């Protein structure tokens, strides 16, 4: 089990690093959006590339930020039952959701999006817009995000099983990433 806990820590660390990239993507997208609006309306100039880079940055924010939200246990859930559970009840609900919902869906999404990305990468597909960007960097965010979400799900399962076996302590409602 100590090897699995080290694996979970490594995934948590990687998730946090990608989360930092996601937070910078938010700032950069906001700055580009403001600059683009100024140039478009103030100087009557425009470029589709600026619009597309905002979309790419938004994709980075979502796809790289989602595993961080899972690692912080801040994701959306229906709290009608979950919030009333005591002791290890929430841990069992989390385990059920992670094993039967999150991992299968994220595995499927990774499997479906990898060929999509790879096809764009091999062909060097470019946006149909005048001045548009190459598309594979945005497409790469899909399998990367789904793959990291899958790995973070595995890490969360490891931490919850370790908690149930007494090898790792955690607040059953709001667990912070392993340090």
Protein backbone atom coordinates (compact mmCIF):
# COMPACT_ATOMS: atom_id res chain seq x y z
CA UNK A 1 0.00 0.00 0.00
CA UNK A 2 2.84 2.52 0.61
CA UNK A 3 3.74 2.24 -3.09
CA UNK A 4 0.15 3.03 -4.05
CA UNK A 5 0.07 6.01 -1.69
CA UNK A 6 3.29 7.29 -3.32
CA UNK A 7 1.57 6.87 -6.69
CA UNK A 8 -1.42 8.89 -5.40
CA UNK A 9 0.94 11.62 -4.17
CA UNK A 10 2.66 11.74 -7.55
CA UNK A 11 -0.70 12.07 -9.32
CA UNK A 12 -1.76 14.79 -6.85
CA UNK A 13 1.50 16.67 -7.53
CA UNK A 14 1.06 16.38 -11.31
CA UNK A 15 -2.56 17.49 -11.02
CA UNK A 16 -1.52 20.55 -9.00
CA UNK A 17 1.10 21.49 -11.61
CA UNK A 18 -1.43 21.22 -14.42
CA UNK A 19 -3.85 23.20 -12.25
CA UNK A 20 -1.31 26.01 -12.07
CA UNK A 21 -1.19 26.01 -15.87
CA UNK A 22 -5.00 26.15 -15.92
CA UNK A 23 -5.02 29.16 -13.59
CA UNK A 24 -2.52 30.98 -15.82
CA UNK A 25 -4.69 30.08 -18.84
CA UNK A 26 -7.63 31.88 -17.21
CA UNK A 27 -5.57 35.04 -16.70
CA UNK A 28 -4.10 34.90 -20.18
CA UNK A 29 -7.53 34.34 -21.77
CA UNK A 30 -8.92 37.35 -19.90
CA UNK A 31 -6.02 39.56 -20.99
CA UNK A 32 -6.27 38.40 -24.60
CA UNK A 33 -10.03 38.92 -24.55
CA UNK A 34 -9.65 42.47 -23.26
CA UNK A 35 -6.86 43.25 -25.72
CA UNK A 36 -8.82 41.75 -28.58
CA UNK A 37 -11.90 43.82 -27.71
CA UNK A 38 -9.80 46.99 -27.55
CA UNK A 39 -8.13 46.28 -30.90
CA UNK A 40 -11.37 45.24 -32.58
CA UNK A 41 -13.52 48.15 -31.38
CA UNK A 42 -10.89 50.79 -30.69
CA UNK A 43 -8.66 50.33 -33.71
CA UNK A 44 -11.15 48.59 -36.03
CA UNK A 45 -8.78 45.66 -36.61
CA UNK A 46 -9.39 41.98 -36.07
CA UNK A 47 -7.87 38.52 -36.25
CA UNK A 48 -9.58 35.16 -35.89
CA UNK A 49 -6.42 33.79 -34.32
CA UNK A 50 -7.03 35.92 -31.20
CA UNK A 51 -10.54 34.50 -30.85
CA UNK A 52 -9.33 30.96 -31.34
CA UNK A 53 -6.51 31.27 -28.81
CA UNK A 54 -9.13 32.33 -26.24
CA UNK A 55 -11.06 29.13 -26.99
CA UNK A 56 -7.87 27.08 -26.65
CA UNK A 57 -7.11 28.70 -23.31
CA UNK A 58 -10.65 28.09 -22.10
CA UNK A 59 -10.25 24.42 -23.08
CA UNK A 60 -7.00 24.32 -21.10
CA UNK A 61 -8.74 25.85 -18.10
CA UNK A 62 -11.50 23.25 -18.10
CA UNK A 63 -9.55 20.16 -19.08
CA UNK A 64 -6.53 20.81 -16.85
CA UNK A 65 -8.54 22.30 -13.97
CA UNK A 66 -11.10 19.50 -13.58
CA UNK A 67 -8.65 17.00 -12.01
CA UNK A 68 -7.68 19.65 -9.45
CA UNK A 69 -11.32 20.09 -8.46
CA UNK A 70 -11.61 16.32 -7.99
CA UNK A 71 -8.41 16.18 -5.92
CA UNK A 72 -9.75 18.92 -3.63
CA UNK A 73 -13.10 17.12 -3.36
CA UNK A 74 -14.82 20.29 -4.51
CA UNK A 75 -16.70 18.79 -7.46
CA UNK A 76 -20.45 19.10 -7.76
CA UNK A 77 -22.56 16.42 -6.10
CA UNK A 78 -26.12 16.13 -4.93
CA UNK A 79 -25.83 16.66 -1.19
CA UNK A 80 -29.30 15.43 -0.18
CA UNK A 81 -28.00 12.08 1.07
CA UNK A 82 -24.23 12.55 0.97
CA UNK A 83 -24.25 15.45 3.43
CA UNK A 84 -26.24 13.45 6.00
CA UNK A 85 -23.95 10.41 5.98
CA UNK A 86 -21.77 9.90 9.02
CA UNK A 87 -18.28 8.50 9.53
CA UNK A 88 -17.22 6.41 6.53
CA UNK A 89 -20.51 6.70 4.66
CA UNK A 90 -19.29 9.45 2.31
CA UNK A 91 -16.13 7.46 1.60
CA UNK A 92 -18.17 4.48 0.41
CA UNK A 93 -20.37 6.73 -1.75
CA UNK A 94 -17.24 8.32 -3.25
CA UNK A 95 -15.72 4.91 -3.94
CA UNK A 96 -18.90 3.74 -5.67
CA UNK A 97 -19.03 6.84 -7.85
CA UNK A 98 -15.33 6.74 -8.68
CA UNK A 99 -15.28 3.04 -9.62
CA UNK A 100 -18.60 2.74 -11.42
CA UNK A 101 -19.00 6.17 -13.00
CA UNK A 102 -15.86 8.31 -13.15
CA UNK A 103 -13.29 5.72 -14.24
CA UNK A 104 -15.40 4.08 -16.96
CA UNK A 105 -16.49 7.42 -18.44
CA UNK A 106 -13.02 8.99 -18.31
CA UNK A 107 -11.46 5.84 -19.78
CA UNK A 108 -13.99 5.85 -22.62
CA UNK A 109 -13.51 9.57 -23.27
CA UNK A 110 -9.72 9.14 -23.38
CA UNK A 111 -10.11 6.21 -25.78
CA UNK A 112 -12.42 8.23 -28.04
CA UNK A 113 -10.45 11.49 -28.03
CA UNK A 114 -6.93 10.12 -28.58
CA UNK A 115 -7.55 9.17 -32.25
CA UNK A 116 -9.29 12.54 -32.75
CA UNK A 117 -6.16 14.34 -31.52
CA UNK A 118 -3.77 12.03 -33.36
CA UNK A 119 -5.58 12.53 -36.67
CA UNK A 120 -5.35 16.31 -36.31
CA UNK A 121 -1.69 16.11 -35.33
CA UNK A 122 -0.74 13.92 -38.29
CA UNK A 123 -2.57 16.04 -40.85
CA UNK A 124 -1.64 19.39 -39.31
CA UNK A 125 -5.28 20.44 -39.53
CA UNK A 126 -5.80 24.18 -39.47
CA UNK A 127 -8.93 26.12 -38.64
CA UNK A 128 -11.10 27.03 -41.60
CA UNK A 129 -11.18 30.65 -40.48
CA UNK A 130 -8.91 33.16 -42.16
CA UNK A 131 -5.91 33.57 -39.89
CA UNK A 132 -6.99 30.52 -37.88
CA UNK A 133 -4.66 28.37 -35.82
CA UNK A 134 -3.54 24.78 -36.04
CA UNK A 135 -6.03 22.63 -34.16
CA UNK A 136 -4.02 19.80 -32.66
CA UNK A 137 -2.90 21.70 -29.52
CA UNK A 138 -6.55 22.21 -28.53
CA UNK A 139 -7.39 18.61 -29.47
CA UNK A 140 -4.50 17.37 -27.28
CA UNK A 141 -6.18 18.93 -24.26
CA UNK A 142 -9.03 16.40 -24.55
CA UNK A 143 -7.11 13.13 -24.05
CA UNK A 144 -4.73 14.87 -21.65
CA UNK A 145 -7.58 16.16 -19.48
CA UNK A 146 -9.57 12.91 -19.57
CA UNK A 147 -6.41 10.89 -18.90
CA UNK A 148 -5.48 13.05 -15.92
CA UNK A 149 -9.03 12.86 -14.61
CA UNK A 150 -8.81 9.05 -14.85
CA UNK A 151 -5.46 9.00 -13.00
CA UNK A 152 -6.79 11.41 -10.35
CA UNK A 153 -9.78 9.09 -9.93
CA UNK A 154 -7.40 6.17 -9.32
CA UNK A 155 -5.50 8.30 -6.79
CA UNK A 156 -8.75 9.18 -5.01
CA UNK A 157 -9.70 5.49 -4.83
CA UNK A 158 -6.27 4.68 -3.34
CA UNK A 159 -6.63 7.44 -0.72
CA UNK A 160 -10.13 6.34 0.27
CA UNK A 161 -9.17 2.66 0.55
CA UNK A 162 -6.13 3.69 2.59
CA UNK A 163 -8.44 5.72 4.82
CA UNK A 164 -10.79 2.77 5.32
CA UNK A 165 -7.87 0.50 6.20
CA UNK A 166 -6.39 3.07 8.59
CA UNK A 167 -3.27 3.76 6.52
CA UNK A 168 -4.20 7.33 5.64
CA UNK A 169 -6.39 9.78 7.49
CA UNK A 170 -8.69 12.19 5.75
CA UNK A 171 -11.68 14.32 6.46
CA UNK A 172 -14.46 12.26 4.90
CA UNK A 173 -16.16 15.31 3.42
CA UNK A 174 -13.40 17.63 2.26
CA UNK A 175 -10.07 15.95 1.75
CA UNK A 176 -7.15 18.11 0.71
CA UNK A 177 -4.44 16.72 -1.59
CA UNK A 178 -1.64 14.71 -0.02
CA UNK A 179 1.41 16.85 0.69
